mmCIF file of all heavy atoms, coordinates in Angstrom:
data_MODEL
# 
_entry.id   MODEL 
# 
loop_
_atom_site.group_PDB 
_atom_site.id 
_atom_site.type_symbol 
_atom_site.label_atom_id 
_atom_site.label_alt_id 
_atom_site.label_comp_id 
_atom_site.label_asym_id 
_atom_site.label_entity_id 
_atom_site.label_seq_id 
_atom_site.pdbx_PDB_ins_code 
_atom_site.Cartn_x 
_atom_site.Cartn_y 
_atom_site.Cartn_z 
_atom_site.occupancy 
_atom_site.B_iso_or_equiv 
_atom_site.pdbx_formal_charge 
_atom_site.auth_seq_id 
_atom_site.auth_comp_id 
_atom_site.auth_asym_id 
_atom_site.auth_atom_id 
_atom_site.pdbx_PDB_model_num 
ATOM 1   N N   . ARG A 1 1  ? 224.686 -37.921 -59.659 1.00 0.00 ? 1  ARG A N   1 
ATOM 2   C CA  . ARG A 1 1  ? 225.100 -39.186 -60.245 1.00 0.00 ? 1  ARG A CA  1 
ATOM 3   C C   . ARG A 1 1  ? 225.381 -40.129 -59.103 1.00 0.00 ? 1  ARG A C   1 
ATOM 4   O O   . ARG A 1 1  ? 225.463 -39.734 -57.956 1.00 0.00 ? 1  ARG A O   1 
ATOM 5   C CB  . ARG A 1 1  ? 226.370 -39.009 -61.088 1.00 0.00 ? 1  ARG A CB  1 
ATOM 6   C CG  . ARG A 1 1  ? 226.188 -38.096 -62.268 1.00 0.00 ? 1  ARG A CG  1 
ATOM 7   C CD  . ARG A 1 1  ? 227.440 -37.997 -63.065 1.00 0.00 ? 1  ARG A CD  1 
ATOM 8   N NE  . ARG A 1 1  ? 228.614 -38.126 -62.213 1.00 0.00 ? 1  ARG A NE  1 
ATOM 9   C CZ  . ARG A 1 1  ? 229.851 -37.989 -62.615 1.00 0.00 ? 1  ARG A CZ  1 
ATOM 10  N NH1 . ARG A 1 1  ? 230.104 -37.714 -63.841 1.00 0.00 ? 1  ARG A NH1 1 
ATOM 11  N NH2 . ARG A 1 1  ? 230.859 -38.115 -61.791 1.00 0.00 ? 1  ARG A NH2 1 
ATOM 12  N N   . SER A 1 2  ? 225.611 -41.357 -59.400 1.00 0.00 ? 2  SER A N   1 
ATOM 13  C CA  . SER A 1 2  ? 225.849 -42.354 -58.348 1.00 0.00 ? 2  SER A CA  1 
ATOM 14  C C   . SER A 1 2  ? 227.317 -42.432 -57.949 1.00 0.00 ? 2  SER A C   1 
ATOM 15  O O   . SER A 1 2  ? 227.711 -43.335 -57.239 1.00 0.00 ? 2  SER A O   1 
ATOM 16  C CB  . SER A 1 2  ? 225.355 -43.728 -58.809 1.00 0.00 ? 2  SER A CB  1 
ATOM 17  O OG  . SER A 1 2  ? 226.051 -44.125 -59.965 1.00 0.00 ? 2  SER A OG  1 
ATOM 18  N N   . THR A 1 3  ? 228.128 -41.507 -58.387 1.00 0.00 ? 3  THR A N   1 
ATOM 19  C CA  . THR A 1 3  ? 229.541 -41.515 -58.056 1.00 0.00 ? 3  THR A CA  1 
ATOM 20  C C   . THR A 1 3  ? 229.744 -41.209 -56.576 1.00 0.00 ? 3  THR A C   1 
ATOM 21  O O   . THR A 1 3  ? 229.122 -40.322 -56.036 1.00 0.00 ? 3  THR A O   1 
ATOM 22  C CB  . THR A 1 3  ? 230.289 -40.448 -58.882 1.00 0.00 ? 3  THR A CB  1 
ATOM 23  O OG1 . THR A 1 3  ? 229.936 -40.619 -60.246 1.00 0.00 ? 3  THR A OG1 1 
ATOM 24  C CG2 . THR A 1 3  ? 231.780 -40.574 -58.718 1.00 0.00 ? 3  THR A CG2 1 
ATOM 25  N N   . SER A 1 4  ? 230.614 -41.939 -55.926 1.00 0.00 ? 4  SER A N   1 
ATOM 26  C CA  . SER A 1 4  ? 230.845 -41.755 -54.496 1.00 0.00 ? 4  SER A CA  1 
ATOM 27  C C   . SER A 1 4  ? 232.076 -40.884 -54.245 1.00 0.00 ? 4  SER A C   1 
ATOM 28  O O   . SER A 1 4  ? 232.877 -40.646 -55.140 1.00 0.00 ? 4  SER A O   1 
ATOM 29  C CB  . SER A 1 4  ? 231.040 -43.111 -53.816 1.00 0.00 ? 4  SER A CB  1 
ATOM 30  O OG  . SER A 1 4  ? 232.263 -43.681 -54.212 1.00 0.00 ? 4  SER A OG  1 
ATOM 31  N N   . PHE A 1 5  ? 232.231 -40.453 -52.991 1.00 0.00 ? 5  PHE A N   1 
ATOM 32  C CA  . PHE A 1 5  ? 233.389 -39.648 -52.612 1.00 0.00 ? 5  PHE A CA  1 
ATOM 33  C C   . PHE A 1 5  ? 234.684 -40.414 -52.826 1.00 0.00 ? 5  PHE A C   1 
ATOM 34  O O   . PHE A 1 5  ? 235.700 -39.843 -53.154 1.00 0.00 ? 5  PHE A O   1 
ATOM 35  C CB  . PHE A 1 5  ? 233.291 -39.222 -51.145 1.00 0.00 ? 5  PHE A CB  1 
ATOM 36  C CG  . PHE A 1 5  ? 232.351 -38.087 -50.927 1.00 0.00 ? 5  PHE A CG  1 
ATOM 37  C CD1 . PHE A 1 5  ? 231.089 -38.305 -50.420 1.00 0.00 ? 5  PHE A CD1 1 
ATOM 38  C CD2 . PHE A 1 5  ? 232.724 -36.805 -51.240 1.00 0.00 ? 5  PHE A CD2 1 
ATOM 39  C CE1 . PHE A 1 5  ? 230.221 -37.258 -50.225 1.00 0.00 ? 5  PHE A CE1 1 
ATOM 40  C CE2 . PHE A 1 5  ? 231.863 -35.747 -51.048 1.00 0.00 ? 5  PHE A CE2 1 
ATOM 41  C CZ  . PHE A 1 5  ? 230.611 -35.977 -50.538 1.00 0.00 ? 5  PHE A CZ  1 
ATOM 42  N N   . SER A 1 6  ? 234.668 -41.732 -52.638 1.00 0.00 ? 6  SER A N   1 
ATOM 43  C CA  . SER A 1 6  ? 235.901 -42.506 -52.786 1.00 0.00 ? 6  SER A CA  1 
ATOM 44  C C   . SER A 1 6  ? 236.359 -42.553 -54.240 1.00 0.00 ? 6  SER A C   1 
ATOM 45  O O   . SER A 1 6  ? 237.515 -42.849 -54.511 1.00 0.00 ? 6  SER A O   1 
ATOM 46  C CB  . SER A 1 6  ? 235.720 -43.921 -52.243 1.00 0.00 ? 6  SER A CB  1 
ATOM 47  O OG  . SER A 1 6  ? 234.706 -44.578 -52.962 1.00 0.00 ? 6  SER A OG  1 
ATOM 48  N N   . ASP A 1 7  ? 235.465 -42.245 -55.204 1.00 0.00 ? 7  ASP A N   1 
ATOM 49  C CA  . ASP A 1 7  ? 235.850 -42.227 -56.608 1.00 0.00 ? 7  ASP A CA  1 
ATOM 50  C C   . ASP A 1 7  ? 236.616 -40.958 -56.977 1.00 0.00 ? 7  ASP A C   1 
ATOM 51  O O   . ASP A 1 7  ? 237.142 -40.848 -58.073 1.00 0.00 ? 7  ASP A O   1 
ATOM 52  C CB  . ASP A 1 7  ? 234.614 -42.326 -57.506 1.00 0.00 ? 7  ASP A CB  1 
ATOM 53  C CG  . ASP A 1 7  ? 233.960 -43.683 -57.430 1.00 0.00 ? 7  ASP A CG  1 
ATOM 54  O OD1 . ASP A 1 7  ? 234.658 -44.650 -57.092 1.00 0.00 ? 7  ASP A OD1 1 
ATOM 55  O OD2 . ASP A 1 7  ? 232.749 -43.771 -57.690 1.00 0.00 ? 7  ASP A OD2 1 
ATOM 56  N N   . LYS A 1 8  ? 236.692 -39.993 -56.073 1.00 0.00 ? 8  LYS A N   1 
ATOM 57  C CA  . LYS A 1 8  ? 237.363 -38.728 -56.340 1.00 0.00 ? 8  LYS A CA  1 
ATOM 58  C C   . LYS A 1 8  ? 238.796 -38.913 -56.800 1.00 0.00 ? 8  LYS A C   1 
ATOM 59  O O   . LYS A 1 8  ? 239.261 -38.238 -57.699 1.00 0.00 ? 8  LYS A O   1 
ATOM 60  C CB  . LYS A 1 8  ? 237.324 -37.842 -55.091 1.00 0.00 ? 8  LYS A CB  1 
ATOM 61  C CG  . LYS A 1 8  ? 238.099 -36.568 -55.231 1.00 0.00 ? 8  LYS A CG  1 
ATOM 62  C CD  . LYS A 1 8  ? 238.195 -35.899 -53.890 1.00 0.00 ? 8  LYS A CD  1 
ATOM 63  C CE  . LYS A 1 8  ? 239.346 -34.983 -53.802 1.00 0.00 ? 8  LYS A CE  1 
ATOM 64  N NZ  . LYS A 1 8  ? 240.649 -35.534 -53.951 1.00 0.00 ? 8  LYS A NZ  1 
ATOM 65  N N   . GLU A 1 9  ? 239.488 -39.867 -56.195 1.00 0.00 ? 9  GLU A N   1 
ATOM 66  C CA  . GLU A 1 9  ? 240.898 -40.072 -56.521 1.00 0.00 ? 9  GLU A CA  1 
ATOM 67  C C   . GLU A 1 9  ? 241.115 -40.494 -57.972 1.00 0.00 ? 9  GLU A C   1 
ATOM 68  O O   . GLU A 1 9  ? 242.195 -40.362 -58.502 1.00 0.00 ? 9  GLU A O   1 
ATOM 69  C CB  . GLU A 1 9  ? 241.510 -41.090 -55.564 1.00 0.00 ? 9  GLU A CB  1 
ATOM 70  C CG  . GLU A 1 9  ? 240.863 -42.441 -55.644 1.00 0.00 ? 9  GLU A CG  1 
ATOM 71  C CD  . GLU A 1 9  ? 241.149 -43.288 -54.431 1.00 0.00 ? 9  GLU A CD  1 
ATOM 72  O OE1 . GLU A 1 9  ? 240.886 -42.852 -53.311 1.00 0.00 ? 9  GLU A OE1 1 
ATOM 73  O OE2 . GLU A 1 9  ? 241.650 -44.394 -54.626 1.00 0.00 ? 9  GLU A OE2 1 
ATOM 74  N N   . LYS A 1 10 ? 240.067 -40.977 -58.641 1.00 0.00 ? 10 LYS A N   1 
ATOM 75  C CA  . LYS A 1 10 ? 240.178 -41.440 -60.018 1.00 0.00 ? 10 LYS A CA  1 
ATOM 76  C C   . LYS A 1 10 ? 239.850 -40.345 -61.024 1.00 0.00 ? 10 LYS A C   1 
ATOM 77  O O   . LYS A 1 10 ? 239.933 -40.550 -62.215 1.00 0.00 ? 10 LYS A O   1 
ATOM 78  C CB  . LYS A 1 10 ? 239.227 -42.618 -60.244 1.00 0.00 ? 10 LYS A CB  1 
ATOM 79  C CG  . LYS A 1 10 ? 239.462 -43.783 -59.319 1.00 0.00 ? 10 LYS A CG  1 
ATOM 80  C CD  . LYS A 1 10 ? 238.364 -44.806 -59.485 1.00 0.00 ? 10 LYS A CD  1 
ATOM 81  C CE  . LYS A 1 10 ? 238.451 -45.840 -58.386 1.00 0.00 ? 10 LYS A CE  1 
ATOM 82  N NZ  . LYS A 1 10 ? 237.251 -46.643 -58.292 1.00 0.00 ? 10 LYS A NZ  1 
ATOM 83  N N   . ILE A 1 11 ? 239.441 -39.194 -60.559 1.00 0.00 ? 11 ILE A N   1 
ATOM 84  C CA  . ILE A 1 11 ? 238.950 -38.139 -61.438 1.00 0.00 ? 11 ILE A CA  1 
ATOM 85  C C   . ILE A 1 11 ? 240.031 -37.097 -61.693 1.00 0.00 ? 11 ILE A C   1 
ATOM 86  O O   . ILE A 1 11 ? 240.645 -36.587 -60.758 1.00 0.00 ? 11 ILE A O   1 
ATOM 87  C CB  . ILE A 1 11 ? 237.694 -37.478 -60.824 1.00 0.00 ? 11 ILE A CB  1 
ATOM 88  C CG1 . ILE A 1 11 ? 236.579 -38.515 -60.735 1.00 0.00 ? 11 ILE A CG1 1 
ATOM 89  C CG2 . ILE A 1 11 ? 237.253 -36.280 -61.643 1.00 0.00 ? 11 ILE A CG2 1 
ATOM 90  C CD1 . ILE A 1 11 ? 235.333 -38.009 -60.060 1.00 0.00 ? 11 ILE A CD1 1 
ATOM 91  N N   . GLY A 1 12 ? 240.238 -36.786 -62.952 1.00 0.00 ? 12 GLY A N   1 
ATOM 92  C CA  . GLY A 1 12 ? 241.182 -35.740 -63.322 1.00 0.00 ? 12 GLY A CA  1 
ATOM 93  C C   . GLY A 1 12 ? 240.559 -34.367 -63.160 1.00 0.00 ? 12 GLY A C   1 
ATOM 94  O O   . GLY A 1 12 ? 239.329 -34.235 -63.158 1.00 0.00 ? 12 GLY A O   1 
ATOM 95  N N   . ARG A 1 13 ? 241.379 -33.352 -63.046 1.00 0.00 ? 13 ARG A N   1 
ATOM 96  C CA  . ARG A 1 13 ? 240.883 -32.007 -62.779 1.00 0.00 ? 13 ARG A CA  1 
ATOM 97  C C   . ARG A 1 13 ? 239.936 -31.478 -63.855 1.00 0.00 ? 13 ARG A C   1 
ATOM 98  O O   . ARG A 1 13 ? 239.088 -30.652 -63.585 1.00 0.00 ? 13 ARG A O   1 
ATOM 99  C CB  . ARG A 1 13 ? 242.032 -31.036 -62.535 1.00 0.00 ? 13 ARG A CB  1 
ATOM 100 C CG  . ARG A 1 13 ? 243.047 -30.956 -63.653 1.00 0.00 ? 13 ARG A CG  1 
ATOM 101 C CD  . ARG A 1 13 ? 244.229 -30.044 -63.323 1.00 0.00 ? 13 ARG A CD  1 
ATOM 102 N NE  . ARG A 1 13 ? 243.892 -28.667 -63.653 1.00 0.00 ? 13 ARG A NE  1 
ATOM 103 C CZ  . ARG A 1 13 ? 243.846 -27.673 -62.780 1.00 0.00 ? 13 ARG A CZ  1 
ATOM 104 N NH1 . ARG A 1 13 ? 244.133 -27.875 -61.537 1.00 0.00 ? 13 ARG A NH1 1 
ATOM 105 N NH2 . ARG A 1 13 ? 243.522 -26.463 -63.154 1.00 0.00 ? 13 ARG A NH2 1 
ATOM 106 N N   . ASN A 1 14 ? 240.066 -31.945 -65.104 1.00 0.00 ? 14 ASN A N   1 
ATOM 107 C CA  . ASN A 1 14 ? 239.205 -31.468 -66.181 1.00 0.00 ? 14 ASN A CA  1 
ATOM 108 C C   . ASN A 1 14 ? 238.011 -32.376 -66.455 1.00 0.00 ? 14 ASN A C   1 
ATOM 109 O O   . ASN A 1 14 ? 237.244 -32.119 -67.375 1.00 0.00 ? 14 ASN A O   1 
ATOM 110 C CB  . ASN A 1 14 ? 240.025 -31.282 -67.460 1.00 0.00 ? 14 ASN A CB  1 
ATOM 111 C CG  . ASN A 1 14 ? 240.920 -30.072 -67.351 1.00 0.00 ? 14 ASN A CG  1 
ATOM 112 O OD1 . ASN A 1 14 ? 240.471 -28.999 -66.961 1.00 0.00 ? 14 ASN A OD1 1 
ATOM 113 N ND2 . ASN A 1 14 ? 242.186 -30.232 -67.664 1.00 0.00 ? 14 ASN A ND2 1 
ATOM 114 N N   . GLU A 1 15 ? 237.853 -33.423 -65.654 1.00 0.00 ? 15 GLU A N   1 
ATOM 115 C CA  . GLU A 1 15 ? 236.699 -34.307 -65.801 1.00 0.00 ? 15 GLU A CA  1 
ATOM 116 C C   . GLU A 1 15 ? 235.548 -33.792 -64.955 1.00 0.00 ? 15 GLU A C   1 
ATOM 117 O O   . GLU A 1 15 ? 235.734 -32.933 -64.089 1.00 0.00 ? 15 GLU A O   1 
ATOM 118 C CB  . GLU A 1 15 ? 237.068 -35.720 -65.361 1.00 0.00 ? 15 GLU A CB  1 
ATOM 119 C CG  . GLU A 1 15 ? 238.095 -36.373 -66.267 1.00 0.00 ? 15 GLU A CG  1 
ATOM 120 C CD  . GLU A 1 15 ? 238.461 -37.761 -65.791 1.00 0.00 ? 15 GLU A CD  1 
ATOM 121 O OE1 . GLU A 1 15 ? 237.556 -38.517 -65.402 1.00 0.00 ? 15 GLU A OE1 1 
ATOM 122 O OE2 . GLU A 1 15 ? 239.657 -38.075 -65.783 1.00 0.00 ? 15 GLU A OE2 1 
ATOM 123 N N   . LEU A 1 16 ? 234.349 -34.333 -65.204 1.00 0.00 ? 16 LEU A N   1 
ATOM 124 C CA  . LEU A 1 16 ? 233.196 -33.951 -64.404 1.00 0.00 ? 16 LEU A CA  1 
ATOM 125 C C   . LEU A 1 16 ? 233.426 -34.348 -62.951 1.00 0.00 ? 16 LEU A C   1 
ATOM 126 O O   . LEU A 1 16 ? 233.994 -35.399 -62.669 1.00 0.00 ? 16 LEU A O   1 
ATOM 127 C CB  . LEU A 1 16 ? 231.925 -34.614 -64.921 1.00 0.00 ? 16 LEU A CB  1 
ATOM 128 C CG  . LEU A 1 16 ? 231.415 -34.117 -66.269 1.00 0.00 ? 16 LEU A CG  1 
ATOM 129 C CD1 . LEU A 1 16 ? 230.147 -34.878 -66.653 1.00 0.00 ? 16 LEU A CD1 1 
ATOM 130 C CD2 . LEU A 1 16 ? 231.133 -32.628 -66.234 1.00 0.00 ? 16 LEU A CD2 1 
ATOM 131 N N   . CYS A 1 17 ? 232.981 -33.492 -62.051 1.00 0.00 ? 17 CYS A N   1 
ATOM 132 C CA  . CYS A 1 17 ? 233.184 -33.718 -60.622 1.00 0.00 ? 17 CYS A CA  1 
ATOM 133 C C   . CYS A 1 17 ? 232.464 -34.977 -60.155 1.00 0.00 ? 17 CYS A C   1 
ATOM 134 O O   . CYS A 1 17 ? 231.381 -35.315 -60.648 1.00 0.00 ? 17 CYS A O   1 
ATOM 135 C CB  . CYS A 1 17 ? 232.692 -32.508 -59.828 1.00 0.00 ? 17 CYS A CB  1 
ATOM 136 S SG  . CYS A 1 17 ? 233.119 -32.601 -58.088 1.00 0.00 ? 17 CYS A SG  1 
ATOM 137 N N   . PHE A 1 18 ? 233.044 -35.642 -59.165 1.00 0.00 ? 18 PHE A N   1 
ATOM 138 C CA  . PHE A 1 18 ? 232.485 -36.869 -58.595 1.00 0.00 ? 18 PHE A CA  1 
ATOM 139 C C   . PHE A 1 18 ? 231.157 -36.657 -57.890 1.00 0.00 ? 18 PHE A C   1 
ATOM 140 O O   . PHE A 1 18 ? 230.398 -37.586 -57.673 1.00 0.00 ? 18 PHE A O   1 
ATOM 141 C CB  . PHE A 1 18 ? 233.474 -37.498 -57.606 1.00 0.00 ? 18 PHE A CB  1 
ATOM 142 C CG  . PHE A 1 18 ? 233.696 -36.684 -56.357 1.00 0.00 ? 18 PHE A CG  1 
ATOM 143 C CD1 . PHE A 1 18 ? 232.967 -36.930 -55.213 1.00 0.00 ? 18 PHE A CD1 1 
ATOM 144 C CD2 . PHE A 1 18 ? 234.642 -35.663 -56.344 1.00 0.00 ? 18 PHE A CD2 1 
ATOM 145 C CE1 . PHE A 1 18 ? 233.171 -36.175 -54.073 1.00 0.00 ? 18 PHE A CE1 1 
ATOM 146 C CE2 . PHE A 1 18 ? 234.847 -34.916 -55.207 1.00 0.00 ? 18 PHE A CE2 1 
ATOM 147 C CZ  . PHE A 1 18 ? 234.109 -35.166 -54.061 1.00 0.00 ? 18 PHE A CZ  1 
ATOM 148 N N   . CYS A 1 19 ? 230.829 -35.424 -57.530 1.00 0.00 ? 19 CYS A N   1 
ATOM 149 C CA  . CYS A 1 19 ? 229.618 -35.146 -56.749 1.00 0.00 ? 19 CYS A CA  1 
ATOM 150 C C   . CYS A 1 19 ? 228.359 -35.122 -57.598 1.00 0.00 ? 19 CYS A C   1 
ATOM 151 O O   . CYS A 1 19 ? 227.260 -35.144 -57.063 1.00 0.00 ? 19 CYS A O   1 
ATOM 152 C CB  . CYS A 1 19 ? 229.767 -33.824 -56.021 1.00 0.00 ? 19 CYS A CB  1 
ATOM 153 S SG  . CYS A 1 19 ? 229.719 -32.416 -57.152 1.00 0.00 ? 19 CYS A SG  1 
ATOM 154 N N   . GLY A 1 20 ? 228.511 -35.054 -58.909 1.00 0.00 ? 20 GLY A N   1 
ATOM 155 C CA  . GLY A 1 20 ? 227.338 -35.037 -59.767 1.00 0.00 ? 20 GLY A CA  1 
ATOM 156 C C   . GLY A 1 20 ? 226.849 -33.651 -60.149 1.00 0.00 ? 20 GLY A C   1 
ATOM 157 O O   . GLY A 1 20 ? 225.771 -33.500 -60.712 1.00 0.00 ? 20 GLY A O   1 
ATOM 158 N N   . SER A 1 21 ? 227.611 -32.626 -59.867 1.00 0.00 ? 21 SER A N   1 
ATOM 159 C CA  . SER A 1 21 ? 227.190 -31.250 -60.156 1.00 0.00 ? 21 SER A CA  1 
ATOM 160 C C   . SER A 1 21 ? 227.210 -30.918 -61.646 1.00 0.00 ? 21 SER A C   1 
ATOM 161 O O   . SER A 1 21 ? 226.696 -29.895 -62.056 1.00 0.00 ? 21 SER A O   1 
ATOM 162 C CB  . SER A 1 21 ? 228.095 -30.271 -59.420 1.00 0.00 ? 21 SER A CB  1 
ATOM 163 O OG  . SER A 1 21 ? 229.409 -30.325 -59.959 1.00 0.00 ? 21 SER A OG  1 
ATOM 164 N N   . GLN A 1 22 ? 227.838 -31.753 -62.455 1.00 0.00 ? 22 GLN A N   1 
ATOM 165 C CA  . GLN A 1 22 ? 228.040 -31.548 -63.886 1.00 0.00 ? 22 GLN A CA  1 
ATOM 166 C C   . GLN A 1 22 ? 229.034 -30.430 -64.181 1.00 0.00 ? 22 GLN A C   1 
ATOM 167 O O   . GLN A 1 22 ? 229.132 -29.949 -65.291 1.00 0.00 ? 22 GLN A O   1 
ATOM 168 C CB  . GLN A 1 22 ? 226.708 -31.290 -64.610 1.00 0.00 ? 22 GLN A CB  1 
ATOM 169 C CG  . GLN A 1 22 ? 225.738 -32.458 -64.514 1.00 0.00 ? 22 GLN A CG  1 
ATOM 170 C CD  . GLN A 1 22 ? 226.302 -33.742 -65.096 1.00 0.00 ? 22 GLN A CD  1 
ATOM 171 O OE1 . GLN A 1 22 ? 226.806 -33.754 -66.203 1.00 0.00 ? 22 GLN A OE1 1 
ATOM 172 N NE2 . GLN A 1 22 ? 226.247 -34.813 -64.328 1.00 0.00 ? 22 GLN A NE2 1 
ATOM 173 N N   . LYS A 1 23 ? 229.797 -30.011 -63.169 1.00 0.00 ? 23 LYS A N   1 
ATOM 174 C CA  . LYS A 1 23 ? 230.881 -29.053 -63.348 1.00 0.00 ? 23 LYS A CA  1 
ATOM 175 C C   . LYS A 1 23 ? 232.183 -29.836 -63.439 1.00 0.00 ? 23 LYS A C   1 
ATOM 176 O O   . LYS A 1 23 ? 232.282 -30.963 -62.960 1.00 0.00 ? 23 LYS A O   1 
ATOM 177 C CB  . LYS A 1 23 ? 230.972 -28.100 -62.148 1.00 0.00 ? 23 LYS A CB  1 
ATOM 178 C CG  . LYS A 1 23 ? 229.757 -27.245 -61.935 1.00 0.00 ? 23 LYS A CG  1 
ATOM 179 C CD  . LYS A 1 23 ? 229.946 -26.390 -60.704 1.00 0.00 ? 23 LYS A CD  1 
ATOM 180 C CE  . LYS A 1 23 ? 228.701 -25.616 -60.374 1.00 0.00 ? 23 LYS A CE  1 
ATOM 181 N NZ  . LYS A 1 23 ? 228.848 -24.848 -59.131 1.00 0.00 ? 23 LYS A NZ  1 
ATOM 182 N N   . LYS A 1 24 ? 233.194 -29.201 -64.016 1.00 0.00 ? 24 LYS A N   1 
ATOM 183 C CA  . LYS A 1 24 ? 234.516 -29.822 -63.994 1.00 0.00 ? 24 LYS A CA  1 
ATOM 184 C C   . LYS A 1 24 ? 235.000 -29.876 -62.542 1.00 0.00 ? 24 LYS A C   1 
ATOM 185 O O   . LYS A 1 24 ? 234.721 -28.969 -61.754 1.00 0.00 ? 24 LYS A O   1 
ATOM 186 C CB  . LYS A 1 24 ? 235.513 -29.026 -64.840 1.00 0.00 ? 24 LYS A CB  1 
ATOM 187 C CG  . LYS A 1 24 ? 235.297 -29.175 -66.321 1.00 0.00 ? 24 LYS A CG  1 
ATOM 188 C CD  . LYS A 1 24 ? 236.389 -28.464 -67.102 1.00 0.00 ? 24 LYS A CD  1 
ATOM 189 C CE  . LYS A 1 24 ? 236.184 -28.654 -68.585 1.00 0.00 ? 24 LYS A CE  1 
ATOM 190 N NZ  . LYS A 1 24 ? 237.257 -28.024 -69.354 1.00 0.00 ? 24 LYS A NZ  1 
ATOM 191 N N   . TYR A 1 25 ? 235.718 -30.934 -62.232 1.00 0.00 ? 25 TYR A N   1 
ATOM 192 C CA  . TYR A 1 25 ? 236.220 -31.135 -60.873 1.00 0.00 ? 25 TYR A CA  1 
ATOM 193 C C   . TYR A 1 25 ? 236.992 -29.917 -60.381 1.00 0.00 ? 25 TYR A C   1 
ATOM 194 O O   . TYR A 1 25 ? 236.817 -29.483 -59.244 1.00 0.00 ? 25 TYR A O   1 
ATOM 195 C CB  . TYR A 1 25 ? 237.087 -32.395 -60.838 1.00 0.00 ? 25 TYR A CB  1 
ATOM 196 C CG  . TYR A 1 25 ? 237.733 -32.675 -59.525 1.00 0.00 ? 25 TYR A CG  1 
ATOM 197 C CD1 . TYR A 1 25 ? 236.962 -32.858 -58.372 1.00 0.00 ? 25 TYR A CD1 1 
ATOM 198 C CD2 . TYR A 1 25 ? 239.111 -32.773 -59.413 1.00 0.00 ? 25 TYR A CD2 1 
ATOM 199 C CE1 . TYR A 1 25 ? 237.549 -33.131 -57.149 1.00 0.00 ? 25 TYR A CE1 1 
ATOM 200 C CE2 . TYR A 1 25 ? 239.707 -33.049 -58.194 1.00 0.00 ? 25 TYR A CE2 1 
ATOM 201 C CZ  . TYR A 1 25 ? 238.931 -33.229 -57.063 1.00 0.00 ? 25 TYR A CZ  1 
ATOM 202 O OH  . TYR A 1 25 ? 239.512 -33.489 -55.862 1.00 0.00 ? 25 TYR A OH  1 
ATOM 203 N N   . LYS A 1 26 ? 237.817 -29.298 -61.245 1.00 0.00 ? 26 LYS A N   1 
ATOM 204 C CA  . LYS A 1 26 ? 238.633 -28.149 -60.826 1.00 0.00 ? 26 LYS A CA  1 
ATOM 205 C C   . LYS A 1 26 ? 237.778 -26.929 -60.466 1.00 0.00 ? 26 LYS A C   1 
ATOM 206 O O   . LYS A 1 26 ? 238.220 -26.059 -59.750 1.00 0.00 ? 26 LYS A O   1 
ATOM 207 C CB  . LYS A 1 26 ? 239.663 -27.788 -61.901 1.00 0.00 ? 26 LYS A CB  1 
ATOM 208 C CG  . LYS A 1 26 ? 239.073 -27.267 -63.203 1.00 0.00 ? 26 LYS A CG  1 
ATOM 209 C CD  . LYS A 1 26 ? 240.165 -26.998 -64.214 1.00 0.00 ? 26 LYS A CD  1 
ATOM 210 C CE  . LYS A 1 26 ? 239.602 -26.529 -65.537 1.00 0.00 ? 26 LYS A CE  1 
ATOM 211 N NZ  . LYS A 1 26 ? 240.668 -26.355 -66.535 1.00 0.00 ? 26 LYS A NZ  1 
ATOM 212 N N   . HIS A 1 27 ? 236.546 -26.868 -60.961 1.00 0.00 ? 27 HIS A N   1 
ATOM 213 C CA  . HIS A 1 27 ? 235.646 -25.756 -60.659 1.00 0.00 ? 27 HIS A CA  1 
ATOM 214 C C   . HIS A 1 27 ? 234.620 -26.110 -59.589 1.00 0.00 ? 27 HIS A C   1 
ATOM 215 O O   . HIS A 1 27 ? 233.700 -25.344 -59.328 1.00 0.00 ? 27 HIS A O   1 
ATOM 216 C CB  . HIS A 1 27 ? 234.898 -25.303 -61.919 1.00 0.00 ? 27 HIS A CB  1 
ATOM 217 C CG  . HIS A 1 27 ? 235.787 -24.751 -62.980 1.00 0.00 ? 27 HIS A CG  1 
ATOM 218 N ND1 . HIS A 1 27 ? 236.564 -23.614 -62.796 1.00 0.00 ? 27 HIS A ND1 1 
ATOM 219 C CD2 . HIS A 1 27 ? 236.064 -25.199 -64.219 1.00 0.00 ? 27 HIS A CD2 1 
ATOM 220 C CE1 . HIS A 1 27 ? 237.250 -23.389 -63.891 1.00 0.00 ? 27 HIS A CE1 1 
ATOM 221 N NE2 . HIS A 1 27 ? 236.976 -24.334 -64.778 1.00 0.00 ? 27 HIS A NE2 1 
# 
């Protein structure tokens, strides 16, 4: 996805990871 590393701070642990892996951020 086009999400950047700086968007990480806006992502909750149960949301999709900022890297675009389609995994939850916590995983």
